[in-house]
Amino acid sequence: MPSQTYLKGYSETIQQQVQQLIEQGKLKSYLLQRYPQTHDIASNERLYEFTIGLKQRYMKKAPPLKKVCFDPKVSVIHHALGLNAHITRAHGGKLKASHEIRIDPCFKKCPEDFLQMILVHELAHLKERDHNKGFYQLCQHMLPDYFQLELDLRLMLTWQKLEQKALYS
């Protein structure tokens, strides 16, 4: 199933169900039915405000964020939807740490649920560096339907990849 690059970690049953949706031409309608509207967060300033709101609600004691932005260097092609950068600089004999979150610009025009899922994922990295049990528990604390949103986001990326393939073939 070459069209399911984004679903490799999922069970064979889920992959077969997705393949069936693809073959029946129903993947797009499934996604549009579940997520009919996109958000209006298009600027870095709005993205920062939205992210800080999530952080204040769920992670008040986490380190402060210096920057949150849409970054064209972050790309789904490189298997990254967002990046959490921990930057340490020497300044006057002291180490200064700052945290930045960078999001793929493709999330400027997606359902808000998907953008929120990516931001929750990156915020969770402020406390948990690795994708371990504690990391995913934190993601679910902030967003109870985190795993469903992650799957649906992967379905959207699969659909987009199929659409691109159709455009260029």
N, C-alpha and C. Protein backbone atom coordinates (compact mmCIF):
# COMPACT_ATOMS: atom_id res chain seq x y z
N MET A 1 0.83 -1.19 0.00
CA MET A 1 0.00 0.00 0.00
C MET A 1 0.88 1.25 0.00
N PRO A 2 1.45 1.60 -1.16
CA PRO A 2 2.36 2.73 -1.24
C PRO A 2 1.73 4.08 -0.92
N SER A 3 0.40 4.18 -1.03
CA SER A 3 -0.26 5.46 -0.78
C SER A 3 -0.41 5.74 0.72
N GLN A 4 0.03 4.80 1.56
CA GLN A 4 -0.19 4.94 2.99
C GLN A 4 1.11 5.17 3.75
N THR A 5 1.97 6.01 3.22
CA THR A 5 3.24 6.33 3.86
C THR A 5 3.05 6.81 5.29
N TYR A 6 2.02 7.59 5.52
CA TYR A 6 1.80 8.21 6.83
C TYR A 6 1.13 7.27 7.83
N LEU A 7 0.80 6.05 7.41
CA LEU A 7 0.06 5.13 8.27
C LEU A 7 0.86 3.88 8.62
N LYS A 8 2.16 3.90 8.41
CA LYS A 8 2.99 2.72 8.61
C LYS A 8 2.91 2.14 10.02
N GLY A 9 2.77 2.94 11.03
CA GLY A 9 2.76 2.46 12.41
C GLY A 9 1.41 1.91 12.86
N TYR A 10 0.40 2.00 12.01
CA TYR A 10 -0.94 1.57 12.38
C TYR A 10 -1.17 0.10 12.02
N SER A 11 -2.19 -0.48 12.65
CA SER A 11 -2.48 -1.90 12.45
C SER A 11 -2.88 -2.18 11.00
N GLU A 12 -2.75 -3.42 10.63
CA GLU A 12 -3.14 -3.87 9.29
C GLU A 12 -4.62 -3.61 9.05
N THR A 13 -5.44 -3.77 10.07
CA THR A 13 -6.88 -3.55 9.95
C THR A 13 -7.17 -2.10 9.57
N ILE A 14 -6.53 -1.16 10.27
CA ILE A 14 -6.75 0.26 9.96
C ILE A 14 -6.25 0.57 8.56
N GLN A 15 -5.09 0.05 8.20
CA GLN A 15 -4.56 0.29 6.86
C GLN A 15 -5.49 -0.25 5.78
N GLN A 16 -6.10 -1.40 6.02
CA GLN A 16 -7.04 -1.97 5.06
C GLN A 16 -8.30 -1.11 4.95
N GLN A 17 -8.78 -0.60 6.08
CA GLN A 17 -9.96 0.27 6.07
C GLN A 17 -9.68 1.55 5.28
N VAL A 18 -8.49 2.10 5.47
CA VAL A 18 -8.11 3.31 4.75
C VAL A 18 -7.99 3.01 3.26
N GLN A 19 -7.38 1.89 2.92
CA GLN A 19 -7.25 1.50 1.52
C GLN A 19 -8.62 1.36 0.87
N GLN A 20 -9.56 0.83 1.62
CA GLN A 20 -10.93 0.68 1.11
C GLN A 20 -11.56 2.06 0.86
N LEU A 21 -11.35 3.00 1.78
CA LEU A 21 -11.85 4.37 1.57
C LEU A 21 -11.23 4.99 0.33
N ILE A 22 -9.94 4.75 0.13
CA ILE A 22 -9.24 5.30 -1.03
C ILE A 22 -9.81 4.70 -2.31
N GLU A 23 -9.95 3.38 -2.34
CA GLU A 23 -10.44 2.70 -3.54
C GLU A 23 -11.87 3.11 -3.88
N GLN A 24 -12.68 3.38 -2.87
CA GLN A 24 -14.07 3.80 -3.09
C GLN A 24 -14.18 5.31 -3.34
N GLY A 25 -13.05 6.02 -3.25
CA GLY A 25 -13.07 7.46 -3.45
C GLY A 25 -13.78 8.22 -2.34
N LYS A 26 -13.76 7.68 -1.12
CA LYS A 26 -14.50 8.28 -0.01
C LYS A 26 -13.62 8.92 1.06
N LEU A 27 -12.32 8.92 0.87
CA LEU A 27 -11.43 9.47 1.90
C LEU A 27 -11.66 10.97 2.07
N LYS A 28 -11.75 11.69 0.96
CA LYS A 28 -11.98 13.14 1.02
C LYS A 28 -13.31 13.45 1.70
N SER A 29 -14.37 12.75 1.34
CA SER A 29 -15.68 13.05 1.94
C SER A 29 -15.69 12.70 3.43
N TYR A 30 -14.98 11.64 3.83
CA TYR A 30 -14.87 11.30 5.25
C TYR A 30 -14.24 12.46 6.01
N LEU A 31 -13.14 12.99 5.48
CA LEU A 31 -12.43 14.09 6.16
C LEU A 31 -13.27 15.37 6.18
N LEU A 32 -13.91 15.69 5.08
CA LEU A 32 -14.72 16.91 5.02
C LEU A 32 -15.95 16.82 5.93
N GLN A 33 -16.47 15.63 6.09
CA GLN A 33 -17.62 15.44 6.99
C GLN A 33 -17.19 15.66 8.44
N ARG A 34 -16.03 15.16 8.81
CA ARG A 34 -15.55 15.30 10.19
C ARG A 34 -14.98 16.69 10.48
N TYR A 35 -14.35 17.30 9.48
CA TYR A 35 -13.66 18.58 9.66
C TYR A 35 -14.03 19.52 8.51
N PRO A 36 -15.22 20.09 8.54
CA PRO A 36 -15.70 20.89 7.41
C PRO A 36 -15.08 22.28 7.27
N GLN A 37 -14.51 22.82 8.36
CA GLN A 37 -14.04 24.20 8.29
C GLN A 37 -12.56 24.31 8.64
N THR A 38 -11.91 25.29 8.03
CA THR A 38 -10.52 25.60 8.38
C THR A 38 -10.53 26.73 9.41
N HIS A 39 -9.37 26.98 9.98
CA HIS A 39 -9.24 28.06 10.97
C HIS A 39 -8.79 29.34 10.28
N ASP A 40 -8.69 30.41 11.04
CA ASP A 40 -8.26 31.70 10.48
C ASP A 40 -6.95 32.18 11.11
N ILE A 41 -6.15 31.26 11.59
CA ILE A 41 -4.87 31.61 12.21
C ILE A 41 -3.81 31.56 11.12
N ALA A 42 -3.54 32.69 10.48
CA ALA A 42 -2.62 32.71 9.35
C ALA A 42 -1.32 33.45 9.64
N SER A 43 -1.30 34.25 10.69
CA SER A 43 -0.08 35.02 10.98
C SER A 43 0.68 34.37 12.14
N ASN A 44 1.95 34.68 12.22
CA ASN A 44 2.77 34.17 13.32
C ASN A 44 2.32 34.72 14.66
N GLU A 45 1.83 35.95 14.65
CA GLU A 45 1.35 36.57 15.89
C GLU A 45 0.14 35.82 16.44
N ARG A 46 -0.81 35.52 15.57
CA ARG A 46 -2.02 34.78 15.98
C ARG A 46 -1.65 33.37 16.44
N LEU A 47 -0.70 32.75 15.72
CA LEU A 47 -0.26 31.41 16.10
C LEU A 47 0.38 31.43 17.49
N TYR A 48 1.19 32.44 17.76
CA TYR A 48 1.83 32.59 19.07
C TYR A 48 0.77 32.74 20.16
N GLU A 49 -0.21 33.62 19.93
CA GLU A 49 -1.27 33.84 20.91
C GLU A 49 -2.06 32.56 21.18
N PHE A 50 -2.40 31.84 20.13
CA PHE A 50 -3.14 30.59 20.25
C PHE A 50 -2.34 29.57 21.07
N THR A 51 -1.05 29.47 20.77
CA THR A 51 -0.17 28.51 21.47
C THR A 51 0.00 28.89 22.93
N ILE A 52 0.19 30.17 23.21
CA ILE A 52 0.36 30.62 24.59
C ILE A 52 -0.93 30.34 25.38
N GLY A 53 -2.08 30.49 24.73
CA GLY A 53 -3.34 30.17 25.39
C GLY A 53 -3.39 28.70 25.81
N LEU A 54 -2.96 27.80 24.93
CA LEU A 54 -2.89 26.37 25.28
C LEU A 54 -1.90 26.12 26.40
N LYS A 55 -0.75 26.77 26.31
CA LYS A 55 0.30 26.59 27.31
C LYS A 55 -0.18 27.07 28.68
N GLN A 56 -0.81 28.24 28.73
CA GLN A 56 -1.31 28.78 30.00
C GLN A 56 -2.39 27.90 30.61
N ARG A 57 -3.18 27.29 29.75
CA ARG A 57 -4.28 26.45 30.25
C ARG A 57 -3.78 25.13 30.82
N TYR A 58 -2.77 24.53 30.18
CA TYR A 58 -2.36 23.18 30.56
C TYR A 58 -0.95 23.04 31.10
N MET A 59 -0.09 24.00 30.82
CA MET A 59 1.33 23.83 31.18
C MET A 59 1.93 25.12 31.73
N LYS A 60 1.34 25.66 32.76
CA LYS A 60 1.78 26.94 33.32
C LYS A 60 3.23 26.92 33.78
N LYS A 61 3.68 25.78 34.29
CA LYS A 61 5.03 25.70 34.84
C LYS A 61 6.09 25.30 33.82
N ALA A 62 5.69 25.07 32.60
CA ALA A 62 6.65 24.72 31.55
C ALA A 62 7.50 25.95 31.21
N PRO A 63 8.69 25.72 30.67
CA PRO A 63 9.55 26.86 30.30
C PRO A 63 8.84 27.80 29.32
N PRO A 64 9.19 29.09 29.38
CA PRO A 64 8.54 30.05 28.48
C PRO A 64 8.93 29.81 27.01
N LEU A 65 8.05 30.21 26.12
CA LEU A 65 8.31 30.11 24.69
C LEU A 65 8.77 31.46 24.17
N LYS A 66 9.87 31.47 23.48
CA LYS A 66 10.37 32.70 22.90
C LYS A 66 9.67 33.00 21.57
N LYS A 67 9.40 31.92 20.81
CA LYS A 67 8.86 32.13 19.47
C LYS A 67 8.00 30.94 19.06
N VAL A 68 6.91 31.24 18.37
CA VAL A 68 6.07 30.23 17.72
C VAL A 68 5.76 30.78 16.34
N CYS A 69 6.07 30.01 15.30
CA CYS A 69 5.88 30.54 13.95
C CYS A 69 5.62 29.44 12.93
N PHE A 70 5.06 29.85 11.81
CA PHE A 70 4.98 29.00 10.63
C PHE A 70 6.33 29.13 9.94
N ASP A 71 6.97 28.03 9.66
CA ASP A 71 8.31 28.06 9.08
C ASP A 71 8.35 27.18 7.83
N PRO A 72 8.61 27.79 6.67
CA PRO A 72 8.64 27.01 5.43
C PRO A 72 9.76 25.95 5.40
N LYS A 73 10.72 26.07 6.31
CA LYS A 73 11.80 25.07 6.34
C LYS A 73 11.34 23.76 6.99
N VAL A 74 10.25 23.83 7.74
CA VAL A 74 9.66 22.63 8.34
C VAL A 74 8.72 22.06 7.29
N SER A 75 8.86 20.79 6.99
CA SER A 75 8.08 20.26 5.89
C SER A 75 7.65 18.83 6.15
N VAL A 76 6.46 18.52 5.70
CA VAL A 76 5.98 17.15 5.80
C VAL A 76 6.82 16.22 4.92
N ILE A 77 7.46 16.79 3.92
CA ILE A 77 8.33 15.98 3.06
C ILE A 77 9.49 15.41 3.87
N HIS A 78 9.94 16.16 4.86
CA HIS A 78 11.02 15.70 5.72
C HIS A 78 10.50 15.00 6.96
N HIS A 79 9.24 14.58 6.92
CA HIS A 79 8.59 13.85 8.01
C HIS A 79 8.52 14.66 9.29
N ALA A 80 8.37 15.97 9.16
CA ALA A 80 8.22 16.82 10.33
C ALA A 80 7.03 17.75 10.09
N LEU A 81 6.11 17.75 11.00
CA LEU A 81 4.97 18.64 10.92
C LEU A 81 5.19 19.87 11.76
N GLY A 82 6.03 19.71 12.76
CA GLY A 82 6.40 20.80 13.64
C GLY A 82 7.72 20.46 14.30
N LEU A 83 8.40 21.48 14.77
CA LEU A 83 9.68 21.29 15.46
C LEU A 83 9.67 22.05 16.76
N ASN A 84 10.29 21.46 17.76
CA ASN A 84 10.45 22.11 19.04
C ASN A 84 11.95 22.31 19.23
N ALA A 85 12.38 23.54 19.18
CA ALA A 85 13.81 23.83 19.29
C ALA A 85 14.14 24.33 20.69
N HIS A 86 15.12 23.69 21.28
CA HIS A 86 15.65 24.11 22.57
C HIS A 86 17.02 24.70 22.26
N ILE A 87 17.14 26.00 22.37
CA ILE A 87 18.36 26.70 21.98
C ILE A 87 19.07 27.21 23.22
N THR A 88 20.34 26.85 23.35
CA THR A 88 21.14 27.30 24.48
C THR A 88 22.28 28.15 23.95
N ARG A 89 22.43 29.35 24.51
CA ARG A 89 23.49 30.26 24.09
C ARG A 89 24.27 30.73 25.30
N ALA A 90 25.56 30.88 25.13
CA ALA A 90 26.40 31.45 26.18
C ALA A 90 26.31 32.97 26.07
N HIS A 91 26.03 33.59 27.20
CA HIS A 91 25.90 35.05 27.21
C HIS A 91 26.48 35.56 28.53
N GLY A 92 27.61 36.23 28.45
CA GLY A 92 28.22 36.80 29.65
C GLY A 92 28.60 35.76 30.69
N GLY A 93 29.08 34.63 30.27
CA GLY A 93 29.48 33.59 31.20
C GLY A 93 28.32 32.76 31.72
N LYS A 94 27.11 33.05 31.27
CA LYS A 94 25.93 32.29 31.68
C LYS A 94 25.30 31.63 30.46
N LEU A 95 24.63 30.53 30.71
CA LEU A 95 23.90 29.86 29.63
C LEU A 95 22.46 30.35 29.63
N LYS A 96 22.02 30.79 28.49
CA LYS A 96 20.64 31.24 28.32
C LYS A 96 19.91 30.24 27.42
N ALA A 97 18.80 29.71 27.91
CA ALA A 97 18.02 28.75 27.14
C ALA A 97 16.74 29.41 26.65
N SER A 98 16.36 29.07 25.43
CA SER A 98 15.08 29.54 24.91
C SER A 98 14.43 28.39 24.14
N HIS A 99 13.12 28.47 24.05
CA HIS A 99 12.35 27.43 23.38
C HIS A 99 11.54 28.05 22.25
N GLU A 100 11.55 27.37 21.12
CA GLU A 100 10.80 27.82 19.96
C GLU A 100 10.01 26.66 19.39
N ILE A 101 8.84 26.96 18.86
CA ILE A 101 8.04 25.98 18.14
C ILE A 101 7.87 26.49 16.73
N ARG A 102 8.17 25.63 15.78
CA ARG A 102 8.04 25.97 14.36
C ARG A 102 7.10 24.96 13.72
N ILE A 103 6.14 25.48 12.96
CA ILE A 103 5.09 24.65 12.38
C ILE A 103 5.13 24.77 10.85
N ASP A 104 4.89 23.66 10.18
CA ASP A 104 4.82 23.65 8.72
C ASP A 104 3.71 24.60 8.26
N PRO A 105 3.98 25.48 7.29
CA PRO A 105 2.97 26.43 6.80
C PRO A 105 1.73 25.77 6.20
N CYS A 106 1.79 24.49 5.87
CA CYS A 106 0.59 23.82 5.33
C CYS A 106 -0.55 23.85 6.35
N PHE A 107 -0.23 24.09 7.63
CA PHE A 107 -1.25 24.14 8.67
C PHE A 107 -1.95 25.49 8.76
N LYS A 108 -1.60 26.42 7.87
CA LYS A 108 -2.33 27.69 7.81
C LYS A 108 -3.74 27.47 7.27
N LYS A 109 -3.91 26.44 6.46
CA LYS A 109 -5.20 26.18 5.82
C LYS A 109 -5.64 24.75 6.10
N CYS A 110 -5.88 24.48 7.34
CA CYS A 110 -6.35 23.16 7.74
C CYS A 110 -7.39 23.35 8.85
N PRO A 111 -8.07 22.30 9.22
CA PRO A 111 -9.00 22.42 10.36
C PRO A 111 -8.24 22.78 11.64
N GLU A 112 -8.86 23.58 12.47
CA GLU A 112 -8.23 24.02 13.72
C GLU A 112 -7.84 22.84 14.60
N ASP A 113 -8.62 21.77 14.56
CA ASP A 113 -8.30 20.58 15.37
C ASP A 113 -6.92 20.04 15.04
N PHE A 114 -6.55 20.05 13.76
CA PHE A 114 -5.24 19.52 13.36
C PHE A 114 -4.11 20.45 13.82
N LEU A 115 -4.32 21.75 13.68
CA LEU A 115 -3.32 22.70 14.16
C LEU A 115 -3.15 22.56 15.67
N GLN A 116 -4.25 22.44 16.38
CA GLN A 116 -4.19 22.29 17.83
C GLN A 116 -3.45 21.00 18.21
N MET A 117 -3.69 19.92 17.46
CA MET A 117 -3.02 18.66 17.75
C MET A 117 -1.50 18.79 17.58
N ILE A 118 -1.07 19.46 16.53
CA ILE A 118 0.37 19.67 16.30
C ILE A 118 0.96 20.52 17.42
N LEU A 119 0.27 21.57 17.81
CA LEU A 119 0.77 22.44 18.88
C LEU A 119 0.83 21.72 20.22
N VAL A 120 -0.18 20.92 20.52
CA VAL A 120 -0.17 20.13 21.75
C VAL A 120 1.03 19.18 21.74
N HIS A 121 1.27 18.56 20.60
CA HIS A 121 2.42 17.65 20.46
C HIS A 121 3.73 18.39 20.76
N GLU A 122 3.89 19.55 20.17
CA GLU A 122 5.13 20.31 20.37
C GLU A 122 5.22 20.87 21.79
N LEU A 123 4.12 21.30 22.35
CA LEU A 123 4.14 21.77 23.74
C LEU A 123 4.52 20.64 24.70
N ALA A 124 4.05 19.44 24.44
CA ALA A 124 4.37 18.30 25.30
C ALA A 124 5.88 18.05 25.32
N HIS A 125 6.56 18.40 24.24
CA HIS A 125 8.02 18.23 24.19
C HIS A 125 8.74 19.19 25.15
N LEU A 126 8.06 20.22 25.63
CA LEU A 126 8.69 21.09 26.63
C LEU A 126 8.95 20.33 27.93
N LYS A 127 8.11 19.36 28.23
CA LYS A 127 8.27 18.56 29.45
C LYS A 127 8.86 17.19 29.18
N GLU A 128 8.50 16.58 28.08
CA GLU A 128 8.96 15.24 27.74
C GLU A 128 9.66 15.29 26.39
N ARG A 129 10.96 15.05 26.39
CA ARG A 129 11.73 15.10 25.13
C ARG A 129 11.38 13.95 24.19
N ASP A 130 11.19 12.76 24.74
CA ASP A 130 10.97 11.57 23.93
C ASP A 130 9.48 11.25 23.79
N HIS A 131 9.18 10.47 22.76
CA HIS A 131 7.81 10.00 22.57
C HIS A 131 7.61 8.75 23.43
N ASN A 132 7.44 8.97 24.70
CA ASN A 132 7.25 7.86 25.64
C ASN A 132 5.84 7.91 26.22
N LYS A 133 5.59 7.03 27.16
CA LYS A 133 4.25 6.96 27.76
C LYS A 133 3.85 8.28 28.41
N GLY A 134 4.75 8.90 29.14
CA GLY A 134 4.45 10.18 29.78
C GLY A 134 4.13 11.27 28.77
N PHE A 135 4.84 11.26 27.65
CA PHE A 135 4.61 12.23 26.58
C PHE A 135 3.17 12.11 26.07
N TYR A 136 2.76 10.90 25.73
CA TYR A 136 1.42 10.71 25.17
C TYR A 136 0.33 10.92 26.22
N GLN A 137 0.62 10.65 27.48
CA GLN A 137 -0.35 10.96 28.54
C GLN A 137 -0.57 12.46 28.65
N LEU A 138 0.52 13.22 28.52
CA LEU A 138 0.43 14.67 28.56
C LEU A 138 -0.36 15.19 27.36
N CYS A 139 -0.11 14.63 26.18
CA CYS A 139 -0.87 15.02 24.99
C CYS A 139 -2.36 14.76 25.19
N GLN A 140 -2.70 13.61 25.75
CA GLN A 140 -4.10 13.29 25.99
C GLN A 140 -4.72 14.15 27.08
N HIS A 141 -3.92 14.56 28.05
CA HIS A 141 -4.41 15.47 29.09
C HIS A 141 -4.84 16.80 28.45
N MET A 142 -4.02 17.30 27.54
CA MET A 142 -4.32 18.57 26.89
C MET A 142 -5.40 18.44 25.82
N LEU A 143 -5.45 17.29 25.18
CA LEU A 143 -6.37 17.07 24.07
C LEU A 143 -6.87 15.62 24.15
N PRO A 144 -8.00 15.39 24.82
CA PRO A 144 -8.46 14.01 25.06
C PRO A 144 -8.58 13.14 23.81
N ASP A 145 -8.93 13.72 22.66
CA ASP A 145 -9.04 12.92 21.44
C ASP A 145 -7.77 13.01 20.58
N TYR A 146 -6.64 13.18 21.23
CA TYR A 146 -5.35 13.33 20.56
C TYR A 146 -5.09 12.22 19.54
N PHE A 147 -5.29 10.97 19.93
CA PHE A 147 -4.95 9.85 19.04
C PHE A 147 -5.85 9.81 17.80
N GLN A 148 -7.13 10.13 17.96
CA GLN A 148 -8.03 10.18 16.80
C GLN A 148 -7.63 11.31 15.87
N LEU A 149 -7.27 12.46 16.44
CA LEU A 149 -6.84 13.59 15.62
C LEU A 149 -5.54 13.27 14.89
N GLU A 150 -4.64 12.58 15.55
CA GLU A 150 -3.38 12.21 14.89
C GLU A 150 -3.66 11.29 13.71
N LEU A 151 -4.53 10.32 13.89
CA LEU A 151 -4.89 9.42 12.80
C LEU A 151 -5.56 10.20 11.66
N ASP A 152 -6.50 11.05 12.00
CA ASP A 152 -7.20 11.81 10.96
C ASP A 152 -6.27 12.77 10.24
N LEU A 153 -5.31 13.34 10.95
CA LEU A 153 -4.32 14.19 10.30
C LEU A 153 -3.51 13.36 9.30
N ARG A 154 -3.13 12.17 9.70
CA ARG A 154 -2.40 11.29 8.79
C ARG A 154 -3.26 10.90 7.58
N LEU A 155 -4.54 10.76 7.80
CA LEU A 155 -5.45 10.50 6.67
C LEU A 155 -5.49 11.70 5.73
N MET A 156 -5.52 12.92 6.29
CA MET A 156 -5.51 14.11 5.46
C MET A 156 -4.22 14.19 4.64
N LEU A 157 -3.09 13.89 5.26
CA LEU A 157 -1.81 13.92 4.54
C LEU A 157 -1.78 12.86 3.45
N THR A 158 -2.36 11.70 3.73
CA THR A 158 -2.45 10.64 2.73
C THR A 158 -3.30 11.11 1.55
N TRP A 159 -4.45 11.71 1.84
CA TRP A 159 -5.32 12.21 0.79
C TRP A 159 -4.61 13.28 -0.05
N GLN A 160 -3.92 14.21 0.64
CA GLN A 160 -3.19 15.27 -0.09
C GLN A 160 -2.13 14.67 -1.00
N LYS A 161 -1.44 13.66 -0.52
CA LYS A 161 -0.40 13.01 -1.33
C LYS A 161 -1.02 12.35 -2.56
N LEU A 162 -2.17 11.72 -2.39
CA LEU A 162 -2.85 11.10 -3.53
C LEU A 162 -3.31 12.16 -4.53
N GLU A 163 -3.79 13.29 -4.04
CA GLU A 163 -4.23 14.37 -4.92
C GLU A 163 -3.07 14.94 -5.71
N GLN A 164 -1.92 15.11 -5.07
CA GLN A 164 -0.73 15.60 -5.77
C GLN A 164 -0.29 14.61 -6.83
N LYS A 165 -0.32 13.34 -6.49
CA LYS A 165 0.08 12.30 -7.41
C LYS A 165 -0.82 12.35 -8.64
N ALA A 166 -2.12 12.54 -8.44
CA ALA A 166 -3.06 12.61 -9.54
C ALA A 166 -2.81 13.84 -10.40
N LEU A 167 -2.41 14.95 -9.79
CA LEU A 167 -2.14 16.18 -10.53
C LEU A 167 -0.94 16.03 -11.46
N TYR A 168 0.05 15.30 -11.02
CA TYR A 168 1.30 15.24 -11.78
C TYR A 168 1.45 13.97 -12.60
N SER A 169 0.47 13.09 -12.60
CA SER A 169 0.60 11.85 -13.39
C SER A 169 -0.15 11.94 -14.71
